[in-house]
Amino acid sequence: MSNFPFLSVLTVAPLVGALVVALLPRHRPELAKQVAFVWSLLVLVLSVVMWVSFKAGGDRFQFRESYSWIPNWGVNFTFAADGIALVMLMLIAVLVPLVILASWHDADASKRSVPVYFALLLVLECTMIGVFAAADVFLFYVFFEVMLVPMYFLIGSYGGHQRQYAAVKFFLYSLVGGLFMLAAVIGLWVVGGKTFDWQALSQVDISTGTERWLFLGFFLAFAIKAPFFPFHTWLPDAGGAAPAGAAALLVGVLDKVGTFGILRYCLPLFPEASKWFAPWALALGVIGIVYAALLAVGQNDLKRLVSYTSIAHFGFIGVGIFAFTTQAGTGAVLYMLNHGLATGLLFLVVGMLISRRGSALISDFGGAGKLVPVLAGVLFFAGLASLALPGTAPFISEFLVLIGTFTVNKPVAVIATLGIILAAAYVLWMVQRTTQGTLNPALTEVDGMRRDLNLREKVVVAPLVALIVLLGFFPKPVTDVINPAVQATMDDIGKTDPAPSVGGTVQEAAK
């Protein structure tokens, strides 16, 4: 199966499914939902086969395909996946069917076209797969920009309060970042011998000044996309206005394009500039951890609160990347996966609560666990996973980031640890005010609050809960895939892990 064109088929398949769903008659919404769900399951099955076919100890980039596109510019449809990309592709394949199930009635409530809504989700899946699978810089840029379009319409047409403002803000921020990257892509093509092939560009020797400018163009685009502080202000608006399913994909997957881009493009293509800018990137990371956590504590809107928690989590990922150790790097990539699972679950469960109550305000809840105990329990679990409780998957990744960072930069690791304390504050405060305590009498008058999780919703949350627990106790199948890619990235920038000082410690103790 190693010769099968997995990546091109995975990229095209959701687009074909989107066309099929979009052409279905509007008066048959259930058929559109069913076709979209089955199509996403086919993508999941093919992704699982690709995962099994991947050889963790083999070549760095596998499933490579290349088809000529614009020969005069040296542009090709080139796809390839290393361990980092493979993990993100599996995250997409797992989340999209669950989001489709969770969004079963979202388009109905908006009174807009149901087939178009689910077609947009499949188009979004196509662009997300493409951006992680691309091994041509120009092709990556195309997917990077095109994936804004389906998310823009999902927010602007099917979102909640201030959806048009949030959609435009999201689009403009990302577009500005894309313009910085476009300038850098053109500059890289000029100095790189007029090719966009990643492997060829990784061998090009670039002058120090030029390398720093090119790094900055890519980094600004990725910092806005992630987002890192201070480029984060679009996310709470977009996450708060988007439908819960679209918000889960926005925060769970789309934002990871930023951190993935730093790992795939900034570090290997501009190694010296990456090391030169690292102190600034670490500073942005730790500021984001503390600043976003403090803002999360003060939120009264559930979806905006979850959005701010994600900004804090991206600070941890940024710290892990720019610590330049294999432990921290593996933790950062694992964090990208685990954050997608935990925050995806949290957004979906919050969406279920909001759809029942008809309000996203925390102050409109209170004691909801007495009416919907199972839903309240899943919310509590998702919150504990978000704060990286031991036994959940995010704990492993956060621990690796902090340990790997502490070996090379103790002050940054210590300050980042404050984020753990603040996370406990905002998560427990959210859970206490929504599902615990005295029952809000107004909830008893809302028909939706008398319905606990139904079978469809249980099918949505169960796989995510199971994966979070499984990877919390047994992350080895994932780390075995990630580690070689992270080690290769560290080799690209000429960084090695600090030698352990066990011998010195023993000698000092003996004295």
Protein backbone atom coordinates (compact mmCIF):
# COMPACT_ATOMS: atom_id res chain seq x y z
CA MET A 1 0.00 0.00 0.00
CA SER A 2 3.01 2.34 0.23
CA ASN A 3 2.66 3.08 -3.52
CA PHE A 4 -1.01 4.02 -3.27
CA PRO A 5 -1.58 7.80 -3.77
CA PHE A 6 -3.02 8.28 -0.30
CA LEU A 7 -2.47 12.01 0.01
CA SER A 8 -3.89 13.07 -3.35
CA VAL A 9 -6.92 10.81 -2.92
CA LEU A 10 -7.48 12.06 0.63
CA THR A 11 -7.30 15.65 -0.60
CA VAL A 12 -9.67 15.20 -3.53
CA ALA A 13 -12.19 12.85 -1.90
CA PRO A 14 -13.83 15.43 0.43
CA LEU A 15 -14.05 17.92 -2.45
CA VAL A 16 -15.92 15.38 -4.58
CA GLY A 17 -18.17 14.65 -1.61
CA ALA A 18 -18.83 18.37 -1.18
CA LEU A 19 -19.95 18.66 -4.81
CA VAL A 20 -22.29 15.70 -4.39
CA VAL A 21 -23.80 17.08 -1.19
CA ALA A 22 -24.16 20.63 -2.58
CA LEU A 23 -26.10 19.34 -5.61
CA LEU A 24 -28.65 17.50 -3.47
CA PRO A 25 -32.10 19.17 -3.32
CA ARG A 26 -32.64 21.59 -0.43
CA HIS A 27 -35.93 19.90 0.50
CA ARG A 28 -34.05 16.70 1.43
CA PRO A 29 -31.75 17.90 4.24
CA GLU A 30 -31.51 14.50 5.94
CA LEU A 31 -30.06 12.97 2.79
CA ALA A 32 -27.41 15.68 2.63
CA LYS A 33 -26.42 15.02 6.22
CA GLN A 34 -26.23 11.27 5.68
CA VAL A 35 -24.15 11.55 2.50
CA ALA A 36 -21.73 14.00 4.14
CA PHE A 37 -21.33 11.75 7.18
CA VAL A 38 -20.74 8.58 5.14
CA TRP A 39 -18.27 10.43 2.92
CA SER A 40 -16.31 11.63 5.93
CA LEU A 41 -16.23 8.07 7.27
CA LEU A 42 -14.67 6.90 4.00
CA VAL A 43 -11.93 9.52 4.47
CA LEU A 44 -11.43 8.26 8.02
CA VAL A 45 -11.08 4.64 6.86
CA LEU A 46 -8.54 5.61 4.20
CA SER A 47 -6.62 7.67 6.77
CA VAL A 48 -6.45 4.69 9.13
CA VAL A 49 -5.06 2.53 6.29
CA MET A 50 -2.46 5.23 5.60
CA TRP A 51 -1.51 5.35 9.30
CA VAL A 52 -0.99 1.58 9.35
CA SER A 53 1.06 1.77 6.13
CA PHE A 54 3.37 4.48 7.52
CA LYS A 55 6.78 3.12 8.58
CA ALA A 56 7.89 4.94 11.72
CA GLY A 57 11.53 3.95 11.24
CA GLY A 58 11.53 4.55 7.49
CA ASP A 59 12.09 7.61 5.35
CA ARG A 60 11.36 10.99 6.87
CA PHE A 61 8.78 11.82 4.15
CA GLN A 62 6.59 9.02 2.91
CA PHE A 63 3.69 8.65 0.44
CA ARG A 64 5.43 11.17 -1.81
CA GLU A 65 3.62 12.15 -5.03
CA SER A 66 4.51 14.83 -7.54
CA TYR A 67 2.57 16.03 -10.59
CA SER A 68 3.60 18.92 -12.84
CA TRP A 69 1.41 22.02 -12.47
CA ILE A 70 3.16 25.22 -13.67
CA PRO A 71 6.52 24.05 -15.08
CA ASN A 72 7.74 27.53 -16.01
CA TRP A 73 7.57 28.56 -12.35
CA GLY A 74 8.78 25.25 -10.95
CA VAL A 75 5.41 24.60 -9.31
CA ASN A 76 4.21 21.02 -8.79
CA PHE A 77 1.40 19.22 -7.04
CA THR A 78 3.82 17.59 -4.60
CA PHE A 79 2.50 15.76 -1.55
CA ALA A 80 4.44 14.02 1.21
CA ALA A 81 3.88 13.30 4.90
CA ASP A 82 6.28 12.98 7.80
CA GLY A 83 5.22 11.93 11.29
CA ILE A 84 4.07 15.45 12.22
CA ALA A 85 1.83 15.80 9.16
CA LEU A 86 0.50 12.26 9.57
CA VAL A 87 -0.69 12.96 13.12
CA MET A 88 -2.51 16.10 11.98
CA LEU A 89 -4.11 14.27 9.06
CA MET A 90 -5.45 11.65 11.46
CA LEU A 91 -6.81 14.39 13.72
CA ILE A 92 -8.74 15.84 10.77
CA ALA A 93 -10.08 12.45 9.77
CA VAL A 94 -11.33 11.77 13.32
CA LEU A 95 -12.83 15.19 14.03
CA VAL A 96 -14.76 15.84 10.81
CA PRO A 97 -17.25 12.92 11.08
CA LEU A 98 -17.85 13.78 14.73
CA VAL A 99 -18.39 17.44 13.89
CA ILE A 100 -20.87 16.49 11.16
CA LEU A 101 -22.80 14.36 13.67
CA ALA A 102 -22.67 17.08 16.32
CA SER A 103 -23.86 19.68 13.77
CA TRP A 104 -26.85 17.61 12.66
CA HIS A 105 -29.36 20.37 13.51
CA ASP A 106 -27.12 23.47 13.38
CA ALA A 107 -28.01 24.40 9.80
CA ASP A 108 -31.70 23.75 10.49
CA ALA A 109 -31.63 26.37 13.24
CA SER A 110 -30.00 28.94 10.93
CA LYS A 111 -32.81 28.49 8.36
CA ARG A 112 -30.23 28.43 5.56
CA SER A 113 -29.35 25.71 3.08
CA VAL A 114 -28.56 22.47 4.88
CA PRO A 115 -26.73 20.82 1.93
CA VAL A 116 -24.49 23.89 1.54
CA TYR A 117 -23.57 23.81 5.24
CA PHE A 118 -22.37 20.21 5.11
CA ALA A 119 -20.75 20.75 1.72
CA LEU A 120 -18.73 23.59 3.26
CA LEU A 121 -17.57 21.25 6.03
CA LEU A 122 -16.30 18.80 3.40
CA VAL A 123 -14.60 21.57 1.39
CA LEU A 124 -12.94 22.64 4.63
CA GLU A 125 -11.74 19.08 5.18
CA CYS A 126 -10.25 19.05 1.67
CA THR A 127 -8.27 22.25 2.26
CA MET A 128 -7.11 21.17 5.72
CA ILE A 129 -5.79 17.87 4.39
CA GLY A 130 -4.13 19.66 1.49
CA VAL A 131 -2.29 22.17 3.64
CA PHE A 132 -0.77 19.47 5.85
CA ALA A 133 0.05 17.14 2.95
CA ALA A 134 1.67 19.73 0.65
CA ALA A 135 5.41 19.40 0.07
CA ASP A 136 5.57 22.27 -2.42
CA VAL A 137 5.77 25.74 -0.85
CA PHE A 138 3.48 27.34 -3.45
CA LEU A 139 0.93 24.54 -3.12
CA PHE A 140 1.03 24.98 0.66
CA TYR A 141 0.38 28.70 0.24
CA VAL A 142 -2.61 28.04 -2.04
CA PHE A 143 -4.24 25.71 0.49
CA PHE A 144 -3.30 28.10 3.31
CA GLU A 145 -5.33 30.86 1.65
CA VAL A 146 -8.17 28.83 0.14
CA MET A 147 -9.14 27.23 3.45
CA LEU A 148 -10.21 30.69 4.65
CA VAL A 149 -13.16 30.64 2.25
CA PRO A 150 -15.26 27.77 3.64
CA MET A 151 -14.63 28.86 7.23
CA TYR A 152 -15.61 32.44 6.34
CA PHE A 153 -18.98 31.26 5.05
CA LEU A 154 -19.50 28.83 7.94
CA ILE A 155 -19.06 31.70 10.40
CA GLY A 156 -20.71 34.46 8.39
CA SER A 157 -23.75 32.51 7.18
CA TYR A 158 -24.38 29.95 9.92
CA GLY A 159 -22.90 31.58 13.02
CA GLY A 160 -24.51 33.34 15.95
CA HIS A 161 -24.46 36.86 17.28
CA GLN A 162 -22.10 39.25 15.39
CA ARG A 163 -21.27 36.49 12.92
CA GLN A 164 -20.59 38.84 10.01
CA TYR A 165 -18.22 41.00 12.06
CA ALA A 166 -16.38 37.92 13.33
CA ALA A 167 -16.17 36.38 9.84
CA VAL A 168 -14.75 39.54 8.28
CA LYS A 169 -12.26 39.98 11.13
CA PHE A 170 -11.13 36.37 10.81
CA PHE A 171 -10.75 36.74 7.04
CA LEU A 172 -8.88 40.05 7.15
CA TYR A 173 -6.42 38.95 9.84
CA SER A 174 -5.64 35.75 7.97
CA LEU A 175 -5.43 37.54 4.64
CA VAL A 176 -2.93 40.07 5.97
CA GLY A 177 -0.83 37.22 7.34
CA GLY A 178 -1.08 35.52 3.97
CA LEU A 179 0.24 38.61 2.21
CA PHE A 180 3.35 38.57 4.41
CA MET A 181 3.85 34.93 3.52
CA LEU A 182 3.28 35.56 -0.19
CA ALA A 183 6.09 38.11 -0.21
CA ALA A 184 8.33 35.62 1.59
CA VAL A 185 7.35 32.79 -0.78
CA ILE A 186 8.31 34.91 -3.79
CA GLY A 187 11.60 35.90 -2.14
CA LEU A 188 12.33 32.26 -1.33
CA TRP A 189 11.68 31.28 -4.95
CA VAL A 190 14.14 33.92 -6.16
CA VAL A 191 16.99 33.01 -3.80
CA GLY A 192 16.22 29.29 -3.94
CA GLY A 193 16.93 28.76 -7.62
CA LYS A 194 13.37 29.28 -8.88
CA THR A 195 11.87 26.18 -7.31
CA PHE A 196 9.16 25.67 -4.72
CA ASP A 197 10.10 22.10 -3.82
CA TRP A 198 10.58 21.82 -0.06
CA GLN A 199 13.43 19.30 -0.21
CA ALA A 200 15.38 21.38 -2.73
CA LEU A 201 14.85 24.60 -0.77
CA SER A 202 16.00 22.96 2.47
CA GLN A 203 19.46 22.56 0.89
CA VAL A 204 19.79 26.21 -0.22
CA ASP A 205 22.33 28.41 1.55
CA ILE A 206 20.76 31.83 2.20
CA SER A 207 22.57 34.92 3.44
CA THR A 208 21.92 35.92 7.06
CA GLY A 209 20.02 39.14 6.36
CA THR A 210 17.83 37.62 3.65
CA GLU A 211 17.11 34.57 5.78
CA ARG A 212 15.87 36.71 8.66
CA TRP A 213 13.51 38.69 6.45
CA LEU A 214 12.13 35.52 4.85
CA PHE A 215 11.70 33.91 8.26
CA LEU A 216 9.82 36.96 9.48
CA GLY A 217 7.41 36.83 6.52
CA PHE A 218 6.53 33.20 7.20
CA PHE A 219 6.50 33.59 10.99
CA LEU A 220 4.08 36.55 10.97
CA ALA A 221 1.63 34.57 8.84
CA PHE A 222 1.87 31.56 11.14
CA ALA A 223 1.73 33.64 14.33
CA ILE A 224 -1.53 35.22 13.16
CA LYS A 225 -2.94 31.84 12.15
CA ALA A 226 -2.04 30.04 15.40
CA PRO A 227 -2.65 32.64 16.95
CA PHE A 228 0.15 33.86 19.20
CA PHE A 229 0.01 36.98 21.35
CA PRO A 230 -0.43 39.81 20.24
CA PHE A 231 -2.06 38.57 17.01
CA HIS A 232 -4.82 36.71 18.82
CA THR A 233 -7.75 39.12 18.94
CA TRP A 234 -9.62 37.57 16.00
CA LEU A 235 -9.97 34.14 17.65
CA PRO A 236 -12.37 34.94 20.55
CA ASP A 237 -14.69 36.72 18.11
CA ALA A 238 -14.54 33.95 15.49
CA GLY A 239 -14.77 31.14 18.06
CA GLY A 240 -17.63 32.87 19.85
CA ALA A 241 -19.67 33.50 16.69
CA ALA A 242 -19.01 30.26 14.77
CA PRO A 243 -21.32 27.26 15.06
CA ALA A 244 -19.94 24.87 17.68
CA GLY A 245 -18.84 22.29 15.11
CA ALA A 246 -17.08 24.84 12.94
CA ALA A 247 -15.48 26.34 16.07
CA ALA A 248 -14.17 22.89 17.02
CA LEU A 249 -12.48 22.59 13.61
CA LEU A 250 -11.27 26.19 13.71
CA VAL A 251 -9.51 25.82 17.06
CA GLY A 252 -8.83 22.10 16.86
CA VAL A 253 -7.28 21.97 13.38
CA LEU A 254 -7.12 25.23 11.40
CA ASP A 255 -5.11 27.05 14.03
CA LYS A 256 -2.59 24.19 14.06
CA VAL A 257 -1.58 25.20 10.55
CA GLY A 258 0.33 28.04 12.22
CA THR A 259 2.40 25.87 14.53
CA PHE A 260 2.77 23.18 11.86
CA GLY A 261 4.05 25.83 9.43
CA ILE A 262 6.71 26.93 11.91
CA LEU A 263 7.90 23.35 12.30
CA ARG A 264 7.79 22.51 8.59
CA TYR A 265 8.95 25.78 7.00
CA CYS A 266 10.45 28.30 9.44
CA LEU A 267 12.82 25.97 11.29
CA PRO A 268 14.21 23.77 8.47
CA LEU A 269 14.34 26.45 5.73
CA PHE A 270 15.65 29.26 7.94
CA PRO A 271 17.63 27.56 10.73
CA GLU A 272 19.90 30.45 11.71
CA ALA A 273 17.07 32.97 11.68
CA SER A 274 14.97 30.60 13.79
CA LYS A 275 17.66 30.53 16.45
CA TRP A 276 18.10 34.32 16.25
CA PHE A 277 14.36 34.98 16.71
CA ALA A 278 13.85 32.21 19.32
CA PRO A 279 14.08 34.46 22.43
CA TRP A 280 11.38 36.72 21.02
CA ALA A 281 9.18 33.76 20.13
CA LEU A 282 9.60 32.30 23.64
CA ALA A 283 8.64 35.67 25.12
CA LEU A 284 5.47 35.79 23.01
CA GLY A 285 4.68 32.24 24.11
CA VAL A 286 4.91 32.82 27.85
CA ILE A 287 3.08 36.16 27.63
CA GLY A 288 0.30 34.43 25.72
CA ILE A 289 0.04 31.65 28.31
CA VAL A 290 -0.45 34.02 31.23
CA TYR A 291 -2.33 36.81 29.45
CA ALA A 292 -4.91 34.56 27.74
CA ALA A 293 -5.45 32.54 30.91
CA LEU A 294 -6.17 35.72 32.88
CA LEU A 295 -8.65 36.85 30.22
CA ALA A 296 -10.31 33.43 30.25
CA VAL A 297 -10.96 33.75 33.98
CA GLY A 298 -13.00 36.90 33.36
CA GLN A 299 -15.22 35.62 30.53
CA ASN A 300 -18.99 35.22 30.82
CA ASP A 301 -19.43 33.70 27.34
CA LEU A 302 -18.72 29.97 27.18
CA LYS A 303 -17.35 29.88 23.63
CA ARG A 304 -15.19 32.95 24.10
CA LEU A 305 -13.81 31.40 27.28
CA VAL A 306 -12.83 28.23 25.42
CA SER A 307 -11.26 30.37 22.68
CA TYR A 308 -9.07 32.20 25.21
CA THR A 309 -7.98 28.91 26.75
CA SER A 310 -6.80 27.85 23.30
CA ILE A 311 -4.64 30.97 22.98
CA ALA A 312 -2.97 29.99 26.27
CA HIS A 313 -2.45 26.44 25.00
CA PHE A 314 -0.86 27.73 21.80
CA GLY A 315 1.58 29.59 24.01
CA PHE A 316 2.69 26.22 25.39
CA ILE A 317 3.08 24.84 21.87
CA GLY A 318 5.17 27.85 20.85
CA VAL A 319 7.41 27.44 23.88
CA GLY A 320 7.87 23.76 23.06
CA ILE A 321 8.85 24.51 19.47
CA PHE A 322 11.38 27.25 20.24
CA ALA A 323 12.96 25.48 23.19
CA PHE A 324 14.82 23.43 20.53
CA THR A 325 14.94 20.13 22.42
CA THR A 326 13.48 16.84 21.24
CA GLN A 327 11.45 16.45 24.44
CA ALA A 328 9.86 19.88 24.11
CA GLY A 329 9.42 19.47 20.36
CA THR A 330 7.72 16.11 20.73
CA GLY A 331 5.57 17.60 23.47
CA ALA A 332 4.61 20.51 21.20
CA VAL A 333 3.52 18.22 18.35
CA LEU A 334 1.70 15.92 20.78
CA TYR A 335 0.07 19.03 22.25
CA MET A 336 -1.21 19.93 18.77
CA LEU A 337 -2.97 16.58 18.61
CA ASN A 338 -4.18 16.45 22.21
CA HIS A 339 -5.39 20.03 22.17
CA GLY A 340 -7.42 19.23 19.06
CA LEU A 341 -9.07 16.30 20.83
CA ALA A 342 -9.65 18.01 24.21
CA THR A 343 -10.70 21.45 22.94
CA GLY A 344 -12.70 19.87 20.13
CA LEU A 345 -14.61 17.91 22.76
CA LEU A 346 -15.00 21.00 24.94
CA PHE A 347 -16.38 23.10 22.09
CA LEU A 348 -18.81 20.38 21.02
CA VAL A 349 -20.10 19.86 24.57
CA VAL A 350 -20.40 23.61 25.13
CA GLY A 351 -22.36 23.76 21.87
CA MET A 352 -24.74 21.10 23.17
CA LEU A 353 -25.31 23.10 26.36
CA ILE A 354 -25.86 26.33 24.44
CA SER A 355 -28.34 24.73 22.02
CA ARG A 356 -30.39 23.49 24.99
CA ARG A 357 -30.34 26.73 26.95
CA GLY A 358 -30.50 29.11 24.01
CA SER A 359 -27.73 31.21 25.54
CA ALA A 360 -23.93 31.11 25.70
CA LEU A 361 -23.73 33.22 28.87
CA ILE A 362 -22.41 31.42 31.93
CA SER A 363 -24.63 33.56 34.14
CA ASP A 364 -27.71 32.06 32.43
CA PHE A 365 -26.83 28.61 33.74
CA GLY A 366 -26.25 27.40 37.31
CA GLY A 367 -26.89 23.92 38.66
CA ALA A 368 -27.50 22.50 35.17
CA GLY A 369 -26.00 19.20 36.28
CA LYS A 370 -29.19 18.46 38.18
CA LEU A 371 -31.11 18.46 34.90
CA VAL A 372 -28.54 17.04 32.47
CA PRO A 373 -26.13 15.00 34.61
CA VAL A 374 -24.45 13.08 31.77
CA LEU A 375 -23.83 16.22 29.72
CA ALA A 376 -22.52 17.96 32.84
CA GLY A 377 -20.18 15.04 33.51
CA VAL A 378 -18.75 15.16 29.98
CA LEU A 379 -18.27 18.93 30.31
CA PHE A 380 -16.38 18.36 33.57
CA PHE A 381 -14.19 15.71 31.92
CA ALA A 382 -13.48 17.96 28.93
CA GLY A 383 -12.55 20.77 31.31
CA LEU A 384 -10.17 18.53 33.25
CA ALA A 385 -8.55 17.42 29.99
CA SER A 386 -8.19 21.06 28.96
CA LEU A 387 -6.32 21.88 32.18
CA ALA A 388 -4.07 18.85 31.55
CA LEU A 389 -5.09 16.68 34.49
CA PRO A 390 -2.79 13.64 34.93
CA GLY A 391 -4.38 10.66 33.22
CA THR A 392 -5.56 12.72 30.26
CA ALA A 393 -3.68 13.12 26.99
CA PRO A 394 -2.88 16.86 27.32
CA PHE A 395 -0.97 16.17 30.56
CA ILE A 396 1.63 14.10 28.68
CA SER A 397 2.25 16.80 26.09
CA GLU A 398 2.31 19.67 28.60
CA PHE A 399 4.70 17.74 30.84
CA LEU A 400 7.06 17.06 27.92
CA VAL A 401 7.02 20.73 26.90
CA LEU A 402 7.84 21.91 30.42
CA ILE A 403 10.52 19.28 31.08
CA GLY A 404 12.17 19.85 27.70
CA THR A 405 12.11 23.62 28.17
CA PHE A 406 13.38 23.48 31.76
CA THR A 407 16.60 21.77 30.65
CA VAL A 408 17.57 24.78 28.50
CA ASN A 409 15.57 27.75 29.81
CA LYS A 410 14.45 27.51 33.42
CA PRO A 411 12.84 30.99 33.70
CA VAL A 412 10.57 30.35 30.72
CA ALA A 413 9.51 26.95 32.07
CA VAL A 414 8.76 28.38 35.51
CA ILE A 415 6.66 31.24 34.14
CA ALA A 416 4.82 28.87 31.80
CA THR A 417 3.93 26.71 34.81
CA LEU A 418 1.75 29.59 36.06
CA GLY A 419 -0.54 28.76 33.18
CA ILE A 420 -1.36 25.43 34.80
CA ILE A 421 -2.53 27.16 37.97
CA LEU A 422 -4.62 29.67 36.03
CA ALA A 423 -6.08 26.86 33.91
CA ALA A 424 -7.42 25.19 37.04
CA ALA A 425 -9.01 28.52 38.00
CA TYR A 426 -10.87 29.20 34.77
CA VAL A 427 -11.94 25.60 34.13
CA LEU A 428 -13.23 24.91 37.63
CA TRP A 429 -14.90 28.33 37.75
CA MET A 430 -16.68 27.59 34.46
CA VAL A 431 -17.84 24.15 35.58
CA GLN A 432 -18.95 25.39 39.00
CA ARG A 433 -21.04 28.24 37.60
CA THR A 434 -22.67 26.24 34.80
CA THR A 435 -23.41 22.77 36.17
CA GLN A 436 -22.82 22.86 39.93
CA GLY A 437 -24.31 24.76 42.84
CA THR A 438 -27.91 25.87 43.29
CA LEU A 439 -30.22 25.19 40.37
CA ASN A 440 -31.14 28.32 38.43
CA PRO A 441 -34.99 28.36 38.46
CA ALA A 442 -35.01 29.74 34.91
CA LEU A 443 -33.50 26.50 33.62
CA THR A 444 -36.57 24.49 34.64
CA GLU A 445 -38.67 26.61 32.27
CA VAL A 446 -36.48 25.75 29.25
CA ASP A 447 -37.64 22.61 27.46
CA GLY A 448 -34.17 21.88 26.08
CA MET A 449 -32.66 21.67 29.56
CA ARG A 450 -34.82 18.63 30.30
CA ARG A 451 -32.99 16.59 27.62
CA ASP A 452 -29.75 14.89 28.51
CA LEU A 453 -27.38 13.48 25.90
CA ASN A 454 -29.18 11.48 23.22
CA LEU A 455 -27.67 8.53 21.33
CA ARG A 456 -26.27 10.68 18.53
CA GLU A 457 -24.55 13.00 20.98
CA LYS A 458 -23.14 10.08 22.95
CA VAL A 459 -21.65 8.71 19.72
CA VAL A 460 -20.03 12.12 19.20
CA VAL A 461 -18.38 12.44 22.61
CA ALA A 462 -17.51 8.78 23.31
CA PRO A 463 -14.61 8.44 20.78
CA LEU A 464 -13.03 11.70 21.95
CA VAL A 465 -13.29 10.71 25.61
CA ALA A 466 -11.79 7.30 24.81
CA LEU A 467 -8.88 8.79 22.83
CA ILE A 468 -8.10 11.36 25.51
CA VAL A 469 -7.94 8.64 28.17
CA LEU A 470 -6.06 6.16 25.96
CA LEU A 471 -3.38 8.67 24.94
CA GLY A 472 -3.17 9.85 28.53
CA PHE A 473 -1.95 6.42 29.61
CA PHE A 474 -0.42 5.03 26.41
CA PRO A 475 0.89 7.72 24.03
CA LYS A 476 3.61 5.47 22.58
CA PRO A 477 1.88 4.69 19.23
CA VAL A 478 1.77 8.42 18.52
CA THR A 479 5.17 9.40 19.94
CA ASP A 480 6.83 6.64 17.92
CA VAL A 481 5.53 8.38 14.79
CA ILE A 482 6.34 11.91 15.98
CA ASN A 483 9.85 11.39 17.42
CA PRO A 484 11.79 10.74 14.17
CA ALA A 485 10.24 13.81 12.50
CA VAL A 486 11.02 16.03 15.49
CA GLN A 487 14.59 14.72 15.67
CA ALA A 488 15.03 15.42 11.95
CA THR A 489 13.75 18.97 12.48
CA MET A 490 16.23 19.50 15.32
CA ASP A 491 18.99 18.22 13.03
CA ASP A 492 17.90 20.72 10.36
CA ILE A 493 18.58 23.63 12.70
CA GLY A 494 21.73 22.08 14.17
CA LYS A 495 20.36 21.66 17.69
CA THR A 496 21.09 18.76 20.04
CA ASP A 497 19.69 18.01 23.48
CA PRO A 498 21.84 19.14 26.42
CA ALA A 499 23.94 16.35 27.89
CA PRO A 500 22.58 15.09 31.24
CA SER A 501 24.65 16.13 34.25
CA VAL A 502 23.97 13.01 36.30
CA GLY A 503 27.64 12.31 36.83
CA GLY A 504 28.30 15.78 38.17
CA THR A 505 25.33 15.58 40.47
CA VAL A 506 26.52 12.24 41.90
CA GLN A 507 30.03 13.56 42.47
CA GLU A 508 28.69 16.65 44.25
CA ALA A 509 26.46 14.47 46.42
CA ALA A 510 29.42 12.23 47.30
CA LYS A 511 31.39 15.23 48.51
